[in-house]
Amino acid sequence: PGRPEELLEAGAGVLARLWRRPAPPGPEFDALGPVVAGWAELLRERMDRLRPPDADLYLVAAAARLLETLPGSAPRTVVLHGDANPGNVLRAEREPWLAIDPKPMAGDPAYDPAPMLLQVDPPLRHPDPEAVLRHRIGLVADVAGGPAERIAVWAFARSVEAGLEMTDRGHPDAPDMLLGARALGRVAGV
């Protein structure tokens, strides 16, 4: 419990500690690039097959391109948590906050914050979700380090992918995820 800003600061602080060291060479962690390139293919296939009314063809194409290109332009490669949603960041005794249930990969640190940005006090519940998202992206960038613009485009691409994956599963929150993706697209300038 706590204010959304406090929870985001805590989560971003945990990620910043995780990202301090570069990912070790070798096969210990999956590389982010091939993982998200596979998502890009699946994203296109789902869009062709499902044609959800809440999905914008331009935004889906832009998200797929970003999933294919962002990993190659990463300024550094670190160990990623891989599933940094608010339920996986907990108060602890050893440290004030710890992350649990990682899905570790090696890649661009800007990939990790997306779930926190969308799931801590969901921005779409606010009158101006874009202003909330801009503020949160800036906060996470300040605490965790890294360019806010890069965090925004990763969050956009990941939310489009998640929205179509949820649509494919018939999840009732899929339209909201796709609306969130549109808001993130505007914030990211996509």
Protein backbone atom coordinates (compact mmCIF):
# COMPACT_ATOMS: atom_id res chain seq x y z
CA PRO A 1 0.00 0.00 0.00
CA GLY A 2 1.00 3.58 -0.61
CA ARG A 3 0.57 6.41 -3.04
CA PRO A 4 1.09 5.45 -6.68
CA GLU A 5 4.22 7.62 -6.85
CA GLU A 6 5.71 5.84 -3.83
CA LEU A 7 5.02 2.44 -5.36
CA LEU A 8 6.52 3.49 -8.69
CA GLU A 9 9.59 4.92 -6.96
CA ALA A 10 10.02 1.69 -5.00
CA GLY A 11 9.68 -0.46 -8.12
CA ALA A 12 12.01 1.75 -10.14
CA GLY A 13 14.54 1.63 -7.29
CA VAL A 14 14.46 -2.17 -7.30
CA LEU A 15 14.99 -2.20 -11.06
CA ALA A 16 17.87 0.28 -10.79
CA ARG A 17 19.63 -2.04 -8.31
CA LEU A 18 19.09 -5.01 -10.62
CA TRP A 19 20.48 -3.12 -13.62
CA ARG A 20 23.74 -1.98 -11.95
CA ARG A 21 25.78 -4.76 -13.51
CA PRO A 22 25.87 -5.70 -17.16
CA ALA A 23 24.43 -9.06 -18.12
CA PRO A 24 27.10 -11.76 -18.05
CA PRO A 25 28.14 -13.18 -21.42
CA GLY A 26 26.88 -16.62 -22.29
CA PRO A 27 23.62 -18.53 -22.39
CA GLU A 28 22.62 -17.97 -18.75
CA PHE A 29 19.82 -15.56 -19.76
CA ASP A 30 17.69 -15.43 -22.89
CA ALA A 31 18.49 -12.42 -25.03
CA LEU A 32 15.63 -9.93 -25.22
CA GLY A 33 15.99 -9.33 -28.98
CA PRO A 34 14.98 -12.79 -30.24
CA VAL A 35 12.19 -13.03 -27.64
CA VAL A 36 10.50 -9.79 -28.69
CA ALA A 37 11.15 -10.45 -32.41
CA GLY A 38 9.01 -13.56 -31.94
CA TRP A 39 6.37 -11.40 -30.29
CA ALA A 40 6.41 -9.08 -33.32
CA GLU A 41 5.62 -12.00 -35.63
CA LEU A 42 2.87 -13.19 -33.31
CA LEU A 43 1.50 -9.65 -33.05
CA ARG A 44 1.12 -9.41 -36.83
CA GLU A 45 -0.44 -12.88 -37.02
CA ARG A 46 -2.94 -12.06 -34.28
CA MET A 47 -3.90 -8.78 -35.91
CA ASP A 48 -4.49 -10.51 -39.27
CA ARG A 49 -6.50 -13.29 -37.66
CA LEU A 50 -8.48 -11.41 -35.00
CA ARG A 51 -8.94 -7.87 -36.41
CA PRO A 52 -10.13 -6.55 -33.04
CA PRO A 53 -12.17 -3.35 -33.35
CA ASP A 54 -10.16 -1.74 -30.53
CA ALA A 55 -6.81 -2.24 -32.31
CA ASP A 56 -5.47 0.32 -34.75
CA LEU A 57 -3.61 -1.26 -37.68
CA TYR A 58 -1.05 1.57 -37.78
CA LEU A 59 -0.28 1.23 -34.06
CA VAL A 60 0.03 -2.55 -34.33
CA ALA A 61 2.48 -2.19 -37.22
CA ALA A 62 4.45 0.45 -35.30
CA ALA A 63 4.60 -1.77 -32.20
CA ALA A 64 5.81 -4.75 -34.25
CA ARG A 65 8.58 -2.63 -35.82
CA LEU A 66 9.63 -1.36 -32.40
CA LEU A 67 9.76 -4.88 -30.98
CA GLU A 68 12.10 -5.80 -33.83
CA THR A 69 14.34 -2.72 -33.69
CA LEU A 70 14.53 -1.48 -30.09
CA PRO A 71 16.74 -4.28 -28.75
CA GLY A 72 19.44 -3.57 -31.33
CA SER A 73 19.65 0.10 -30.36
CA ALA A 74 19.91 -0.47 -26.60
CA PRO A 75 22.58 1.70 -24.99
CA ARG A 76 23.51 -1.18 -22.68
CA THR A 77 22.58 -4.77 -21.87
CA VAL A 78 21.65 -5.69 -18.30
CA VAL A 79 19.88 -8.48 -16.47
CA LEU A 80 16.16 -7.71 -16.72
CA HIS A 81 13.52 -8.73 -14.23
CA GLY A 82 11.23 -9.55 -17.14
CA ASP A 83 7.94 -9.28 -15.21
CA ALA A 84 8.22 -6.12 -13.12
CA ASN A 85 4.55 -5.77 -12.34
CA PRO A 86 3.49 -4.20 -9.02
CA GLY A 87 2.60 -7.59 -7.52
CA ASN A 88 6.21 -8.69 -7.93
CA VAL A 89 7.68 -5.80 -5.93
CA LEU A 90 7.24 -6.37 -2.19
CA ARG A 91 8.27 -4.73 1.08
CA ALA A 92 11.01 -6.70 2.76
CA GLU A 93 13.31 -6.76 5.78
CA ARG A 94 16.65 -7.34 4.02
CA GLU A 95 16.00 -4.31 1.76
CA PRO A 96 13.07 -1.89 1.90
CA TRP A 97 11.75 -3.44 -1.35
CA LEU A 98 12.57 -6.61 -3.27
CA ALA A 99 11.42 -8.13 -6.54
CA ILE A 100 10.08 -11.66 -6.73
CA ASP A 101 9.11 -14.06 -9.52
CA PRO A 102 11.57 -12.87 -12.17
CA LYS A 103 11.48 -13.97 -15.79
CA PRO A 104 15.11 -12.94 -16.35
CA MET A 105 16.49 -11.97 -19.71
CA ALA A 106 19.45 -9.93 -20.90
CA GLY A 107 18.60 -6.72 -22.68
CA ASP A 108 17.61 -3.08 -22.71
CA PRO A 109 16.71 -1.79 -19.22
CA ALA A 110 13.97 0.45 -20.67
CA TYR A 111 12.00 -2.75 -21.40
CA ASP A 112 11.29 -3.56 -17.74
CA PRO A 113 9.11 -0.71 -16.31
CA ALA A 114 6.06 -1.08 -18.61
CA PRO A 115 3.88 -3.23 -16.30
CA MET A 116 4.37 -0.85 -13.38
CA LEU A 117 3.43 2.17 -15.47
CA LEU A 118 0.12 0.63 -16.49
CA GLN A 119 -0.84 -1.39 -13.42
CA VAL A 120 -0.10 0.90 -10.46
CA ASP A 121 -3.34 2.85 -10.07
CA PRO A 122 -4.24 2.31 -13.75
CA PRO A 123 -3.83 5.58 -15.66
CA LEU A 124 -6.99 5.06 -17.74
CA ARG A 125 -9.03 5.60 -14.59
CA HIS A 126 -7.81 9.21 -14.48
CA PRO A 127 -9.42 12.09 -16.41
CA ASP A 128 -6.15 12.76 -18.30
CA PRO A 129 -4.35 9.40 -18.67
CA GLU A 130 -1.69 10.85 -20.95
CA ALA A 131 -0.63 13.40 -18.32
CA VAL A 132 -0.50 10.62 -15.71
CA LEU A 133 1.60 8.45 -18.03
CA ARG A 134 4.02 11.31 -18.84
CA HIS A 135 4.48 12.01 -15.13
CA ARG A 136 5.01 8.34 -14.29
CA ILE A 137 7.44 7.72 -17.14
CA GLY A 138 9.46 10.74 -16.02
CA LEU A 139 9.43 9.55 -12.42
CA VAL A 140 10.60 6.06 -13.34
CA ALA A 141 13.28 7.45 -15.65
CA ASP A 142 14.56 9.74 -12.87
CA VAL A 143 14.70 6.98 -10.25
CA ALA A 144 15.84 4.04 -12.38
CA GLY A 145 17.94 5.97 -14.86
CA GLY A 146 17.54 5.94 -18.57
CA PRO A 147 15.78 8.03 -21.16
CA ALA A 148 12.08 8.59 -20.57
CA GLU A 149 11.45 8.48 -24.34
CA ARG A 150 12.86 4.96 -24.56
CA ILE A 151 10.80 3.77 -21.57
CA ALA A 152 7.69 5.24 -23.26
CA VAL A 153 8.22 3.49 -26.61
CA TRP A 154 8.94 0.15 -24.93
CA ALA A 155 5.79 0.55 -22.80
CA PHE A 156 3.79 1.34 -25.93
CA ALA A 157 5.09 -1.68 -27.87
CA ARG A 158 4.60 -4.02 -24.92
CA SER A 159 1.05 -2.79 -24.28
CA VAL A 160 0.01 -3.36 -27.90
CA GLU A 161 1.48 -6.87 -27.75
CA ALA A 162 -0.25 -7.55 -24.42
CA GLY A 163 -3.56 -6.16 -25.69
CA LEU A 164 -3.63 -8.49 -28.69
CA GLU A 165 -2.48 -11.45 -26.59
CA MET A 166 -5.33 -10.72 -24.16
CA THR A 167 -7.76 -10.39 -27.09
CA ASP A 168 -6.63 -13.79 -28.37
CA ARG A 169 -7.36 -15.33 -24.96
CA GLY A 170 -10.74 -13.59 -24.71
CA HIS A 171 -9.65 -11.64 -21.64
CA PRO A 172 -12.25 -9.01 -20.67
CA ASP A 173 -9.58 -6.33 -20.04
CA ALA A 174 -8.19 -6.51 -23.59
CA PRO A 175 -10.04 -3.37 -24.81
CA ASP A 176 -8.68 -1.38 -21.85
CA MET A 177 -5.13 -2.57 -22.58
CA LEU A 178 -5.52 -1.46 -26.19
CA LEU A 179 -6.87 1.93 -25.05
CA GLY A 180 -3.84 2.23 -22.78
CA ALA A 181 -1.63 1.42 -25.77
CA ARG A 182 -3.22 4.28 -27.73
CA ALA A 183 -2.54 6.69 -24.86
CA LEU A 184 1.05 5.44 -24.61
CA GLY A 185 1.43 5.82 -28.36
CA ARG A 186 0.47 9.49 -28.09
CA VAL A 187 2.84 9.99 -25.15
CA ALA A 188 5.67 8.21 -27.01
CA GLY A 189 5.01 10.17 -30.19
CA VAL A 190 4.26 7.06 -32.23
